[in-house]
PDB file of all heavy atoms in Angstrom:
ATOM      1  N   VAL A   1       2.398  -1.689  -6.617  1.00  0.00           N
ATOM      2  CA  VAL A   1       1.758  -1.001  -5.505  1.00  0.00           C
ATOM      3  C   VAL A   1       0.753   0.034  -5.999  1.00  0.00           C
ATOM      4  O   VAL A   1      -0.099   0.491  -5.258  1.00  0.00           O
ATOM      5  CB  VAL A   1       2.830  -0.342  -4.616  1.00  0.00           C
ATOM      6  CG1 VAL A   1       2.221   0.359  -3.441  1.00  0.00           C
ATOM      7  CG2 VAL A   1       3.804  -1.397  -4.138  1.00  0.00           C
ATOM      8  N   ALA A   2       0.815   0.382  -7.265  1.00  0.00           N
ATOM      9  CA  ALA A   2      -0.118   1.364  -7.795  1.00  0.00           C
ATOM     10  C   ALA A   2      -1.561   0.914  -7.605  1.00  0.00           C
ATOM     11  O   ALA A   2      -2.453   1.731  -7.429  1.00  0.00           O
ATOM     12  CB  ALA A   2       0.166   1.614  -9.267  1.00  0.00           C
ATOM     13  N   MET A   3      -1.754  -0.408  -7.593  1.00  0.00           N
ATOM     14  CA  MET A   3      -3.095  -0.936  -7.389  1.00  0.00           C
ATOM     15  C   MET A   3      -3.618  -0.599  -6.002  1.00  0.00           C
ATOM     16  O   MET A   3      -4.805  -0.437  -5.808  1.00  0.00           O
ATOM     17  CB  MET A   3      -3.092  -2.459  -7.551  1.00  0.00           C
ATOM     18  CG  MET A   3      -2.711  -2.903  -8.929  1.00  0.00           C
ATOM     19  SD  MET A   3      -2.813  -4.696  -9.115  1.00  0.00           S
ATOM     20  CE  MET A   3      -1.915  -5.300  -7.715  1.00  0.00           C
ATOM     21  N   CYS A   4      -2.759  -0.503  -5.020  1.00  0.00           N
ATOM     22  CA  CYS A   4      -3.238  -0.265  -3.665  1.00  0.00           C
ATOM     23  C   CYS A   4      -3.287   1.225  -3.346  1.00  0.00           C
ATOM     24  O   CYS A   4      -3.520   1.592  -2.208  1.00  0.00           O
ATOM     25  CB  CYS A   4      -2.397  -1.018  -2.641  1.00  0.00           C
ATOM     26  SG  CYS A   4      -0.754  -0.342  -2.419  1.00  0.00           S
ATOM     27  N   GLY A   5      -3.096   2.083  -4.317  1.00  0.00           N
ATOM     28  CA  GLY A   5      -3.147   3.523  -4.089  1.00  0.00           C
ATOM     29  C   GLY A   5      -4.472   3.967  -3.506  1.00  0.00           C
ATOM     30  O   GLY A   5      -4.523   4.842  -2.644  1.00  0.00           O
ATOM     31  N   SER A   6      -5.552   3.369  -3.966  1.00  0.00           N
ATOM     32  CA  SER A   6      -6.856   3.761  -3.441  1.00  0.00           C
ATOM     33  C   SER A   6      -7.032   3.304  -1.996  1.00  0.00           C
ATOM     34  O   SER A   6      -7.789   3.877  -1.249  1.00  0.00           O
ATOM     35  CB  SER A   6      -7.980   3.193  -4.311  1.00  0.00           C
ATOM     36  OG  SER A   6      -7.892   1.793  -4.308  1.00  0.00           O
ATOM     37  N   VAL A   7      -6.299   2.270  -1.588  1.00  0.00           N
ATOM     38  CA  VAL A   7      -6.387   1.816  -0.203  1.00  0.00           C
ATOM     39  C   VAL A   7      -5.669   2.788   0.709  1.00  0.00           C
ATOM     40  O   VAL A   7      -6.109   3.072   1.814  1.00  0.00           O
ATOM     41  CB  VAL A   7      -5.771   0.400  -0.065  1.00  0.00           C
ATOM     42  CG1 VAL A   7      -5.715  -0.022   1.372  1.00  0.00           C
ATOM     43  CG2 VAL A   7      -6.545  -0.595  -0.905  1.00  0.00           C
ATOM     44  N   CYS A   8      -4.554   3.343   0.233  1.00  0.00           N
ATOM     45  CA  CYS A   8      -3.754   4.211   1.075  1.00  0.00           C
ATOM     46  C   CYS A   8      -4.336   5.611   1.195  1.00  0.00           C
ATOM     47  O   CYS A   8      -4.267   6.219   2.246  1.00  0.00           O
ATOM     48  CB  CYS A   8      -2.334   4.321   0.518  1.00  0.00           C
ATOM     49  SG  CYS A   8      -1.481   2.763   0.590  1.00  0.00           S
ATOM     50  N   ARG A   9      -4.882   6.141   0.145  1.00  0.00           N
ATOM     51  CA  ARG A   9      -5.438   7.499   0.167  1.00  0.00           C
ATOM     52  C   ARG A   9      -6.802   7.482  -0.508  1.00  0.00           C
ATOM     53  O   ARG A   9      -6.894   7.320  -1.710  1.00  0.00           O
ATOM     54  CB  ARG A   9      -4.510   8.445  -0.579  1.00  0.00           C
ATOM     55  CG  ARG A   9      -3.232   8.688   0.143  1.00  0.00           C
ATOM     56  CD  ARG A   9      -2.535   9.916  -0.460  1.00  0.00           C
ATOM     57  NE  ARG A   9      -1.295  10.103   0.222  1.00  0.00           N
ATOM     58  CZ  ARG A   9      -0.093  10.008  -0.335  1.00  0.00           C
ATOM     59  NH1 ARG A   9      -0.001   9.749  -1.604  1.00  0.00           N
ATOM     60  NH2 ARG A   9       0.983  10.196   0.360  1.00  0.00           N
ATOM     61  N   PRO A  10      -7.815   7.644   0.260  1.00  0.00           N
ATOM     62  CA  PRO A  10      -9.134   7.680  -0.361  1.00  0.00           C
ATOM     63  C   PRO A  10      -9.292   8.934  -1.199  1.00  0.00           C
ATOM     64  O   PRO A  10      -8.692   9.971  -0.910  1.00  0.00           O
ATOM     65  CB  PRO A  10     -10.088   7.661   0.832  1.00  0.00           C
ATOM     66  CG  PRO A  10      -9.291   8.183   1.974  1.00  0.00           C
ATOM     67  CD  PRO A  10      -7.862   7.837   1.699  1.00  0.00           C
ATOM     68  N   LYS A  11     -10.088   8.837  -2.250  1.00  0.00           N
ATOM     69  CA  LYS A  11     -10.323   9.996  -3.108  1.00  0.00           C
ATOM     70  C   LYS A  11     -11.108  11.059  -2.365  1.00  0.00           C
ATOM     71  O   LYS A  11     -10.914  12.244  -2.556  1.00  0.00           O
ATOM     72  CB  LYS A  11     -11.069   9.554  -4.371  1.00  0.00           C
ATOM     73  CG  LYS A  11     -10.223   8.689  -5.261  1.00  0.00           C
ATOM     74  CD  LYS A  11     -10.940   8.320  -6.509  1.00  0.00           C
ATOM     75  CE  LYS A  11     -10.046   7.400  -7.327  1.00  0.00           C
ATOM     76  NZ  LYS A  11     -10.586   7.052  -8.577  1.00  0.00           N
ATOM     77  N   LYS A  12     -11.958  10.643  -1.514  1.00  0.00           N
ATOM     78  CA  LYS A  12     -12.788  11.570  -0.772  1.00  0.00           C
ATOM     79  C   LYS A  12     -12.409  11.464   0.698  1.00  0.00           C
ATOM     80  O   LYS A  12     -12.374  10.388   1.269  1.00  0.00           O
ATOM     81  CB  LYS A  12     -14.247  11.175  -0.971  1.00  0.00           C
ATOM     82  CG  LYS A  12     -15.222  12.115  -0.359  1.00  0.00           C
ATOM     83  CD  LYS A  12     -16.611  11.664  -0.718  1.00  0.00           C
ATOM     84  CE  LYS A  12     -17.613  12.482   0.034  1.00  0.00           C
ATOM     85  NZ  LYS A  12     -18.958  12.008  -0.210  1.00  0.00           N
ATOM     86  N   HIS A  13     -12.090  12.591   1.327  1.00  0.00           N
ATOM     87  CA  HIS A  13     -11.695  12.589   2.719  1.00  0.00           C
ATOM     88  C   HIS A  13     -12.926  12.395   3.599  1.00  0.00           C
ATOM     89  O   HIS A  13     -13.920  13.095   3.472  1.00  0.00           O
ATOM     90  CB  HIS A  13     -10.994  13.912   3.064  1.00  0.00           C
ATOM     91  CG  HIS A  13     -10.557  13.966   4.493  1.00  0.00           C
ATOM     92  ND1 HIS A  13      -9.554  13.174   4.966  1.00  0.00           N
ATOM     93  CD2 HIS A  13     -10.998  14.709   5.533  1.00  0.00           C
ATOM     94  CE1 HIS A  13      -9.385  13.438   6.255  1.00  0.00           C
ATOM     95  NE2 HIS A  13     -10.255  14.370   6.611  1.00  0.00           N
ATOM     96  N   ILE A  14     -12.860  11.425   4.489  1.00  0.00           N
ATOM     97  CA  ILE A  14     -13.947  11.155   5.411  1.00  0.00           C
ATOM     98  C   ILE A  14     -13.513  11.672   6.771  1.00  0.00           C
ATOM     99  O   ILE A  14     -12.450  11.300   7.279  1.00  0.00           O
ATOM    100  CB  ILE A  14     -14.264   9.645   5.473  1.00  0.00           C
ATOM    101  CG1 ILE A  14     -14.621   9.137   4.083  1.00  0.00           C
ATOM    102  CG2 ILE A  14     -15.356   9.362   6.487  1.00  0.00           C
ATOM    103  CD1 ILE A  14     -14.774   7.643   4.006  1.00  0.00           C
ATOM    104  N   LEU A  15     -14.302  12.552   7.370  1.00  0.00           N
ATOM    105  CA  LEU A  15     -13.961  13.152   8.649  1.00  0.00           C
ATOM    106  C   LEU A  15     -13.789  12.106   9.738  1.00  0.00           C
ATOM    107  O   LEU A  15     -14.566  11.182   9.860  1.00  0.00           O
ATOM    108  CB  LEU A  15     -15.075  14.102   9.104  1.00  0.00           C
ATOM    109  CG  LEU A  15     -14.842  15.573   8.820  1.00  0.00           C
ATOM    110  CD1 LEU A  15     -15.996  16.393   9.326  1.00  0.00           C
ATOM    111  CD2 LEU A  15     -13.538  16.077   9.307  1.00  0.00           C
ATOM    112  N   GLY A  16     -12.727  12.278  10.524  1.00  0.00           N
ATOM    113  CA  GLY A  16     -12.488  11.407  11.648  1.00  0.00           C
ATOM    114  C   GLY A  16     -11.930  10.038  11.287  1.00  0.00           C
ATOM    115  O   GLY A  16     -11.763   9.193  12.148  1.00  0.00           O
ATOM    116  N   ARG A  17     -11.637   9.815  10.064  1.00  0.00           N
ATOM    117  CA  ARG A  17     -11.141   8.509   9.637  1.00  0.00           C
ATOM    118  C   ARG A  17      -9.802   8.667   8.930  1.00  0.00           C
ATOM    119  O   ARG A  17      -9.698   9.378   7.943  1.00  0.00           O
ATOM    120  CB  ARG A  17     -12.163   7.900   8.673  1.00  0.00           C
ATOM    121  CG  ARG A  17     -12.115   6.443   8.665  1.00  0.00           C
ATOM    122  CD  ARG A  17     -13.319   5.937   7.950  1.00  0.00           C
ATOM    123  NE  ARG A  17     -13.063   4.537   7.731  1.00  0.00           N
ATOM    124  CZ  ARG A  17     -13.730   3.786   6.922  1.00  0.00           C
ATOM    125  NH1 ARG A  17     -14.720   4.269   6.235  1.00  0.00           N
ATOM    126  NH2 ARG A  17     -13.428   2.538   6.797  1.00  0.00           N
ATOM    127  N   LYS A  18      -8.774   8.009   9.452  1.00  0.00           N
ATOM    128  CA  LYS A  18      -7.461   8.048   8.806  1.00  0.00           C
ATOM    129  C   LYS A  18      -7.252   6.745   8.057  1.00  0.00           C
ATOM    130  O   LYS A  18      -7.578   5.676   8.556  1.00  0.00           O
ATOM    131  CB  LYS A  18      -6.348   8.173   9.847  1.00  0.00           C
ATOM    132  CG  LYS A  18      -6.262   9.516  10.489  1.00  0.00           C
ATOM    133  CD  LYS A  18      -5.062   9.526  11.388  1.00  0.00           C
ATOM    134  CE  LYS A  18      -4.927  10.864  12.051  1.00  0.00           C
ATOM    135  NZ  LYS A  18      -3.783  10.914  12.952  1.00  0.00           N
ATOM    136  N   MET A  19      -6.716   6.846   6.885  1.00  0.00           N
ATOM    137  CA  MET A  19      -6.410   5.648   6.097  1.00  0.00           C
ATOM    138  C   MET A  19      -4.894   5.438   6.120  1.00  0.00           C
ATOM    139  O   MET A  19      -4.144   6.356   5.830  1.00  0.00           O
ATOM    140  CB  MET A  19      -6.882   5.810   4.648  1.00  0.00           C
ATOM    141  CG  MET A  19      -8.367   5.865   4.489  1.00  0.00           C
ATOM    142  SD  MET A  19      -9.159   4.325   4.932  1.00  0.00           S
ATOM    143  CE  MET A  19      -8.787   3.356   3.505  1.00  0.00           C
ATOM    144  N   HIS A  20      -4.484   4.249   6.470  1.00  0.00           N
ATOM    145  CA  HIS A  20      -3.065   3.890   6.483  1.00  0.00           C
ATOM    146  C   HIS A  20      -2.843   2.763   5.492  1.00  0.00           C
ATOM    147  O   HIS A  20      -3.743   1.996   5.208  1.00  0.00           O
ATOM    148  CB  HIS A  20      -2.637   3.409   7.877  1.00  0.00           C
ATOM    149  CG  HIS A  20      -2.775   4.460   8.932  1.00  0.00           C
ATOM    150  ND1 HIS A  20      -1.894   5.483   9.076  1.00  0.00           N
ATOM    151  CD2 HIS A  20      -3.724   4.634   9.894  1.00  0.00           C
ATOM    152  CE1 HIS A  20      -2.263   6.246  10.079  1.00  0.00           C
ATOM    153  NE2 HIS A  20      -3.384   5.751  10.599  1.00  0.00           N
ATOM    154  N   CYS A  21      -1.625   2.696   4.999  1.00  0.00           N
ATOM    155  CA  CYS A  21      -1.292   1.566   4.127  1.00  0.00           C
ATOM    156  C   CYS A  21      -1.447   0.293   4.933  1.00  0.00           C
ATOM    157  O   CYS A  21      -0.885   0.161   6.006  1.00  0.00           O
ATOM    158  CB  CYS A  21       0.142   1.668   3.627  1.00  0.00           C
ATOM    159  SG  CYS A  21       0.357   2.688   2.198  1.00  0.00           S
ATOM    160  N   GLY A  22      -2.181  -0.603   4.418  1.00  0.00           N
ATOM    161  CA  GLY A  22      -2.354  -1.890   5.085  1.00  0.00           C
ATOM    162  C   GLY A  22      -1.145  -2.773   4.874  1.00  0.00           C
ATOM    163  O   GLY A  22      -0.197  -2.415   4.153  1.00  0.00           O
ATOM    164  N   ARG A  23      -1.140  -3.902   5.509  1.00  0.00           N
ATOM    165  CA  ARG A  23      -0.038  -4.857   5.378  1.00  0.00           C
ATOM    166  C   ARG A  23       0.150  -5.295   3.930  1.00  0.00           C
ATOM    167  O   ARG A  23       1.259  -5.450   3.460  1.00  0.00           O
ATOM    168  CB  ARG A  23      -0.291  -6.082   6.248  1.00  0.00           C
ATOM    169  CG  ARG A  23      -0.310  -5.776   7.704  1.00  0.00           C
ATOM    170  CD  ARG A  23       1.097  -5.686   8.208  1.00  0.00           C
ATOM    171  NE  ARG A  23       1.064  -5.410   9.636  1.00  0.00           N
ATOM    172  CZ  ARG A  23       2.001  -4.762  10.259  1.00  0.00           C
ATOM    173  NH1 ARG A  23       3.057  -4.339   9.614  1.00  0.00           N
ATOM    174  NH2 ARG A  23       1.899  -4.543  11.537  1.00  0.00           N
ATOM    175  N   LEU A  24      -0.954  -5.465   3.228  1.00  0.00           N
ATOM    176  CA  LEU A  24      -0.868  -5.874   1.832  1.00  0.00           C
ATOM    177  C   LEU A  24      -0.130  -4.835   1.006  1.00  0.00           C
ATOM    178  O   LEU A  24       0.736  -5.153   0.198  1.00  0.00           O
ATOM    179  CB  LEU A  24      -2.257  -6.122   1.247  1.00  0.00           C
ATOM    180  CG  LEU A  24      -2.296  -6.469  -0.247  1.00  0.00           C
ATOM    181  CD1 LEU A  24      -1.542  -7.768  -0.495  1.00  0.00           C
ATOM    182  CD2 LEU A  24      -3.715  -6.568  -0.736  1.00  0.00           C
ATOM    183  N   CYS A  25      -0.474  -3.573   1.228  1.00  0.00           N
ATOM    184  CA  CYS A  25       0.170  -2.487   0.483  1.00  0.00           C
ATOM    185  C   CYS A  25       1.669  -2.451   0.783  1.00  0.00           C
ATOM    186  O   CYS A  25       2.489  -2.315  -0.120  1.00  0.00           O
ATOM    187  CB  CYS A  25      -0.486  -1.155   0.847  1.00  0.00           C
ATOM    188  SG  CYS A  25       0.102   0.217  -0.140  1.00  0.00           S
ATOM    189  N   GLN A  26       2.032  -2.608   2.052  1.00  0.00           N
ATOM    190  CA  GLN A  26       3.446  -2.598   2.430  1.00  0.00           C
ATOM    191  C   GLN A  26       4.176  -3.793   1.813  1.00  0.00           C
ATOM    192  O   GLN A  26       5.299  -3.670   1.338  1.00  0.00           O
ATOM    193  CB  GLN A  26       3.586  -2.614   3.946  1.00  0.00           C
ATOM    194  CG  GLN A  26       3.124  -1.327   4.582  1.00  0.00           C
ATOM    195  CD  GLN A  26       3.066  -1.417   6.103  1.00  0.00           C
ATOM    196  OE1 GLN A  26       3.231  -2.492   6.678  1.00  0.00           O
ATOM    197  NE2 GLN A  26       2.830  -0.283   6.736  1.00  0.00           N
ATOM    198  N   PHE A  27       3.533  -4.946   1.818  1.00  0.00           N
ATOM    199  CA  PHE A  27       4.132  -6.141   1.231  1.00  0.00           C
ATOM    200  C   PHE A  27       4.336  -5.953  -0.273  1.00  0.00           C
ATOM    201  O   PHE A  27       5.380  -6.305  -0.820  1.00  0.00           O
ATOM    202  CB  PHE A  27       3.260  -7.366   1.513  1.00  0.00           C
ATOM    203  CG  PHE A  27       3.779  -8.617   0.890  1.00  0.00           C
ATOM    204  CD1 PHE A  27       4.911  -9.249   1.398  1.00  0.00           C
ATOM    205  CD2 PHE A  27       3.167  -9.161  -0.228  1.00  0.00           C
ATOM    206  CE1 PHE A  27       5.402 -10.397   0.812  1.00  0.00           C
ATOM    207  CE2 PHE A  27       3.657 -10.315  -0.807  1.00  0.00           C
ATOM    208  CZ  PHE A  27       4.780 -10.928  -0.283  1.00  0.00           C
ATOM    209  N   LEU A  28       3.318  -5.420  -0.945  1.00  0.00           N
ATOM    210  CA  LEU A  28       3.443  -5.203  -2.386  1.00  0.00           C
ATOM    211  C   LEU A  28       4.552  -4.220  -2.712  1.00  0.00           C
ATOM    212  O   LEU A  28       5.232  -4.341  -3.723  1.00  0.00           O
ATOM    213  CB  LEU A  28       2.110  -4.728  -2.970  1.00  0.00           C
ATOM    214  CG  LEU A  28       1.019  -5.784  -3.050  1.00  0.00           C
ATOM    215  CD1 LEU A  28      -0.291  -5.151  -3.528  1.00  0.00           C
ATOM    216  CD2 LEU A  28       1.411  -6.917  -3.964  1.00  0.00           C
ATOM    217  N   TRP A  29       4.743  -3.259  -1.848  1.00  0.00           N
ATOM    218  CA  TRP A  29       5.800  -2.283  -2.061  1.00  0.00           C
ATOM    219  C   TRP A  29       7.171  -2.958  -1.950  1.00  0.00           C
ATOM    220  O   TRP A  29       8.093  -2.642  -2.696  1.00  0.00           O
ATOM    221  CB  TRP A  29       5.672  -1.156  -1.031  1.00  0.00           C
ATOM    222  CG  TRP A  29       6.685  -0.087  -1.218  1.00  0.00           C
ATOM    223  CD1 TRP A  29       6.674   0.903  -2.147  1.00  0.00           C
ATOM    224  CD2 TRP A  29       7.877   0.093  -0.453  1.00  0.00           C
ATOM    225  NE1 TRP A  29       7.784   1.690  -2.017  1.00  0.00           N
ATOM    226  CE2 TRP A  29       8.546   1.215  -0.972  1.00  0.00           C
ATOM    227  CE3 TRP A  29       8.447  -0.566   0.612  1.00  0.00           C
ATOM    228  CZ2 TRP A  29       9.743   1.679  -0.463  1.00  0.00           C
ATOM    229  CZ3 TRP A  29       9.643  -0.110   1.125  1.00  0.00           C
ATOM    230  CH2 TRP A  29      10.272   1.005   0.586  1.00  0.00           C
ATOM    231  N   LEU A  30       7.305  -3.923  -1.040  1.00  0.00           N
ATOM    232  CA  LEU A  30       8.578  -4.604  -0.847  1.00  0.00           C
ATOM    233  C   LEU A  30       8.802  -5.779  -1.796  1.00  0.00           C
ATOM    234  O   LEU A  30       9.926  -6.241  -1.958  1.00  0.00           O
ATOM    235  CB  LEU A  30       8.680  -5.131   0.593  1.00  0.00           C
ATOM    236  CG  LEU A  30       8.882  -4.084   1.670  1.00  0.00           C
ATOM    237  CD1 LEU A  30       8.813  -4.740   3.043  1.00  0.00           C
ATOM    238  CD2 LEU A  30      10.211  -3.383   1.493  1.00  0.00           C
ATOM    239  N   TRP A  31       7.741  -6.281  -2.402  1.00  0.00           N
ATOM    240  CA  TRP A  31       7.832  -7.491  -3.217  1.00  0.00           C
ATOM    241  C   TRP A  31       8.930  -7.457  -4.289  1.00  0.00           C
ATOM    242  O   TRP A  31       9.715  -8.403  -4.400  1.00  0.00           O
ATOM    243  CB  TRP A  31       6.471  -7.805  -3.839  1.00  0.00           C
ATOM    244  CG  TRP A  31       6.523  -9.048  -4.665  1.00  0.00           C
ATOM    245  CD1 TRP A  31       6.514  -9.129  -6.013  1.00  0.00           C
ATOM    246  CD2 TRP A  31       6.636 -10.385  -4.193  1.00  0.00           C
ATOM    247  NE1 TRP A  31       6.593 -10.434  -6.416  1.00  0.00           N
ATOM    248  CE2 TRP A  31       6.678 -11.228  -5.305  1.00  0.00           C
ATOM    249  CE3 TRP A  31       6.720 -10.958  -2.925  1.00  0.00           C
ATOM    250  CZ2 TRP A  31       6.781 -12.599  -5.206  1.00  0.00           C
ATOM    251  CZ3 TRP A  31       6.828 -12.328  -2.827  1.00  0.00           C
ATOM    252  CH2 TRP A  31       6.852 -13.122  -3.960  1.00  0.00           C
ATOM    253  N   PRO A  32       9.029  -6.402  -5.097  1.00  0.00           N
ATOM    254  CA  PRO A  32      10.085  -6.416  -6.128  1.00  0.00           C
ATOM    255  C   PRO A  32      11.486  -6.539  -5.532  1.00  0.00           C
ATOM    256  O   PRO A  32      12.345  -7.215  -6.085  1.00  0.00           O
ATOM    257  CB  PRO A  32       9.920  -5.071  -6.845  1.00  0.00           C
ATOM    258  CG  PRO A  32       8.548  -4.623  -6.524  1.00  0.00           C
ATOM    259  CD  PRO A  32       8.192  -5.218  -5.201  1.00  0.00           C
ATOM    260  N   TYR A  33      11.697  -5.939  -4.379  1.00  0.00           N
ATOM    261  CA  TYR A  33      13.010  -6.004  -3.748  1.00  0.00           C
ATOM    262  C   TYR A  33      13.264  -7.384  -3.148  1.00  0.00           C
ATOM    263  O   TYR A  33      14.364  -7.927  -3.250  1.00  0.00           O
ATOM    264  CB  TYR A  33      13.141  -4.925  -2.666  1.00  0.00           C
ATOM    265  CG  TYR A  33      12.911  -3.540  -3.218  1.00  0.00           C
ATOM    266  CD1 TYR A  33      11.728  -2.869  -2.985  1.00  0.00           C
ATOM    267  CD2 TYR A  33      13.875  -2.935  -4.014  1.00  0.00           C
ATOM    268  CE1 TYR A  33      11.504  -1.608  -3.514  1.00  0.00           C
ATOM    269  CE2 TYR A  33      13.658  -1.674  -4.557  1.00  0.00           C
ATOM    270  CZ  TYR A  33      12.475  -1.019  -4.304  1.00  0.00           C
ATOM    271  OH  TYR A  33      12.263   0.215  -4.834  1.00  0.00           O
ATOM    272  N   LEU A  34      12.253  -7.966  -2.528  1.00  0.00           N
ATOM    273  CA  LEU A  34      12.409  -9.287  -1.931  1.00  0.00           C
ATOM    274  C   LEU A  34      12.670 -10.352  -2.986  1.00  0.00           C
ATOM    275  O   LEU A  34      13.502 -11.237  -2.806  1.00  0.00           O
ATOM    276  CB  LEU A  34      11.167  -9.655  -1.109  1.00  0.00           C
ATOM    277  CG  LEU A  34      10.941  -8.852   0.156  1.00  0.00           C
ATOM    278  CD1 LEU A  34       9.617  -9.237   0.787  1.00  0.00           C
ATOM    279  CD2 LEU A  34      12.083  -9.040   1.133  1.00  0.00           C
ATOM    280  N   SER A  35      11.961 -10.269  -4.095  1.00  0.00           N
ATOM    281  CA  SER A  35      12.170 -11.278  -5.141  1.00  0.00           C
ATOM    282  C   SER A  35      13.551 -11.134  -5.762  1.00  0.00           C
ATOM    283  O   SER A  35      14.177 -12.123  -6.121  1.00  0.00           O
ATOM    284  CB  SER A  35      11.081 -11.180  -6.205  1.00  0.00           C
ATOM    285  OG  SER A  35      11.141  -9.927  -6.854  1.00  0.00           O
ATOM    286  N   TYR A  36      14.055  -9.933  -5.875  1.00  0.00           N
ATOM    287  CA  TYR A  36      15.389  -9.722  -6.417  1.00  0.00           C
ATOM    288  C   TYR A  36      16.452 -10.241  -5.450  1.00  0.00           C
ATOM    289  O   TYR A  36      17.381 -10.914  -5.844  1.00  0.00           O
ATOM    290  CB  TYR A  36      15.626  -8.241  -6.702  1.00  0.00           C
ATOM    291  CG  TYR A  36      17.025  -7.959  -7.183  1.00  0.00           C
ATOM    292  CD1 TYR A  36      17.419  -8.291  -8.472  1.00  0.00           C
ATOM    293  CD2 TYR A  36      17.969  -7.387  -6.344  1.00  0.00           C
ATOM    294  CE1 TYR A  36      18.700  -8.062  -8.915  1.00  0.00           C
ATOM    295  CE2 TYR A  36      19.255  -7.153  -6.780  1.00  0.00           C
ATOM    296  CZ  TYR A  36      19.620  -7.482  -8.065  1.00  0.00           C
ATOM    297  OH  TYR A  36      20.884  -7.259  -8.497  1.00  0.00           O
ATOM    298  N   VAL A  37      16.281  -9.947  -4.164  1.00  0.00           N
ATOM    299  CA  VAL A  37      17.257 -10.358  -3.166  1.00  0.00           C
ATOM    300  C   VAL A  37      17.349 -11.879  -3.097  1.00  0.00           C
ATOM    301  O   VAL A  37      18.419 -12.437  -2.977  1.00  0.00           O
ATOM    302  CB  VAL A  37      16.881  -9.761  -1.783  1.00  0.00           C
ATOM    303  CG1 VAL A  37      17.706 -10.384  -0.677  1.00  0.00           C
ATOM    304  CG2 VAL A  37      17.080  -8.263  -1.801  1.00  0.00           C
ATOM    305  N   GLN A  38      16.238 -12.583  -3.212  1.00  0.00           N
ATOM    306  CA  GLN A  38      16.253 -14.036  -3.131  1.00  0.00           C
ATOM    307  C   GLN A  38      16.915 -14.653  -4.362  1.00  0.00           C
ATOM    308  O   GLN A  38      17.608 -15.642  -4.259  1.00  0.00           O
ATOM    309  CB  GLN A  38      14.839 -14.576  -2.980  1.00  0.00           C
ATOM    310  CG  GLN A  38      14.814 -16.067  -2.778  1.00  0.00           C
ATOM    311  CD  GLN A  38      13.405 -16.593  -2.609  1.00  0.00           C
ATOM    312  OE1 GLN A  38      12.448 -15.847  -2.672  1.00  0.00           O
ATOM    313  NE2 GLN A  38      13.301 -17.885  -2.417  1.00  0.00           N
ATOM    314  N   ALA A  39      16.739 -14.075  -5.525  1.00  0.00           N
ATOM    315  CA  ALA A  39      17.263 -14.653  -6.758  1.00  0.00           C
ATOM    316  C   ALA A  39      18.788 -14.580  -6.815  1.00  0.00           C
ATOM    317  O   ALA A  39      19.421 -15.465  -7.351  1.00  0.00           O
ATOM    318  CB  ALA A  39      16.660 -13.947  -7.963  1.00  0.00           C
TER     319      ALA A  39
END
């Protein structure tokens, strides 16, 4: 998930724009747990 860090928090704050973790970021965060649970 470290790769998606820039997606979740921009380095420069842009007024009026909120950045949220996208679906990809959430999936990547869960991936290690999902692969372990299935095995």
